[in-house]
C-alpha atoms as a PDB file:
ATOM      1  CA  MET A   1      67.213  97.804  80.354  1.00  0.00           C
ATOM      2  CA  THR A   2      69.164  94.821  81.510  1.00  0.00           C
ATOM      3  CA  PHE A   3      70.014  92.045  79.110  1.00  0.00           C
ATOM      4  CA  GLN A   4      72.339  89.142  78.390  1.00  0.00           C
ATOM      5  CA  ALA A   5      74.219  88.665  75.124  1.00  0.00           C
ATOM      6  CA  ARG A   6      76.536  85.847  73.951  1.00  0.00           C
ATOM      7  CA  HIS A   7      79.601  87.009  71.976  1.00  0.00           C
ATOM      8  CA  PHE A   8      82.869  85.266  71.411  1.00  0.00           C
ATOM      9  CA  GLY A   9      81.717  82.186  73.358  1.00  0.00           C
ATOM     10  CA  LEU A  10      81.089  84.303  76.510  1.00  0.00           C
ATOM     11  CA  THR A  11      77.842  85.379  78.065  1.00  0.00           C
ATOM     12  CA  TRP A  12      77.748  89.041  79.018  1.00  0.00           C
ATOM     13  CA  ARG A  13      75.272  90.802  81.318  1.00  0.00           C
ATOM     14  CA  LEU A  14      74.797  94.450  80.560  1.00  0.00           C
ATOM     15  CA  LYS A  15      72.670  97.347  81.865  1.00  0.00           C
ATOM     16  CA  ALA A  16      71.952 100.145  79.419  1.00  0.00           C
ATOM     17  CA  ARG A  17      69.880 103.414  79.374  1.00  0.00           C
ATOM     18  CA  ILE A  18      68.169 104.919  76.337  1.00  0.00           C
ATOM     19  CA  THR A  19      69.708 108.409  76.137  1.00  0.00           C
ATOM     20  CA  ALA A  20      68.187 109.596  72.864  1.00  0.00           C
ATOM     21  CA  TYR A  21      64.935 108.713  71.143  1.00  0.00           C
ATOM     22  CA  ASP A  22      63.512 110.074  67.839  1.00  0.00           C
ATOM     23  CA  ARG A  23      60.805 107.662  66.862  1.00  0.00           C
ATOM     24  CA  PRO A  24      60.626 106.132  64.353  1.00  0.00           C
ATOM     25  CA  ARG A  25      64.056 107.230  63.032  1.00  0.00           C
ATOM     26  CA  ARG A  26      66.664 106.466  65.744  1.00  0.00           C
ATOM     27  CA  PHE A  27      67.535 105.811  69.319  1.00  0.00           C
ATOM     28  CA  VAL A  28      70.784 105.624  71.315  1.00  0.00           C
ATOM     29  CA  ASP A  29      71.537 103.297  74.264  1.00  0.00           C
ATOM     30  CA  GLU A  30      74.564 103.684  76.563  1.00  0.00           C
ATOM     31  CA  GLN A  31      75.967 101.145  78.973  1.00  0.00           C
ATOM     32  CA  GLU A  32      75.500 101.812  82.662  1.00  0.00           C
ATOM     33  CA  SER A  33      77.217  98.641  83.769  1.00  0.00           C
ATOM     34  CA  GLY A  34      78.857  95.711  82.044  1.00  0.00           C
ATOM     35  CA  PRO A  35      82.124  94.542  80.549  1.00  0.00           C
ATOM     36  CA  PHE A  36      83.051  97.644  78.516  1.00  0.00           C
ATOM     37  CA  LYS A  37      84.629 100.880  79.727  1.00  0.00           C
ATOM     38  CA  ARG A  38      82.330 102.876  77.391  1.00  0.00           C
ATOM     39  CA  TRP A  39      79.589 101.796  75.205  1.00  0.00           C
ATOM     40  CA  HIS A  40      77.496 104.155  73.043  1.00  0.00           C
ATOM     41  CA  HIS A  41      75.288 102.344  70.560  1.00  0.00           C
ATOM     42  CA  ALA A  42      73.247 104.303  67.948  1.00  0.00           C
ATOM     43  CA  HIS A  43      70.421 102.631  66.016  1.00  0.00           C
ATOM     44  CA  HIS A  44      69.173 104.263  62.838  1.00  0.00           C
ATOM     45  CA  PHE A  45      66.123 103.145  60.839  1.00  0.00           C
ATOM     46  CA  GLU A  46      65.160 103.944  57.235  1.00  0.00           C
ATOM     47  CA  PRO A  47      62.203 102.752  55.131  1.00  0.00           C
ATOM     48  CA  ASP A  48      63.241  99.967  52.756  1.00  0.00           C
ATOM     49  CA  GLY A  49      60.388 100.680  50.271  1.00  0.00           C
ATOM     50  CA  ALA A  50      58.532  97.420  51.026  1.00  0.00           C
ATOM     51  CA  VAL A  51      54.809  97.599  51.623  1.00  0.00           C
ATOM     52  CA  ALA A  52      53.741  95.947  54.868  1.00  0.00           C
ATOM     53  CA  PRO A  53      51.005  93.350  54.629  1.00  0.00           C
END
């Protein structure tokens, strides 16, 4: 995926690949190109106990 993000007053363009996927619990994305030397971002999801409408 390619996206733009604004942090610290600067706009960054990044390209990342999903490298791990365990729906609906977690996924990991890692930068392929962008401003950082290495970027490994893990997303974890847990139920909050709320009932969806």
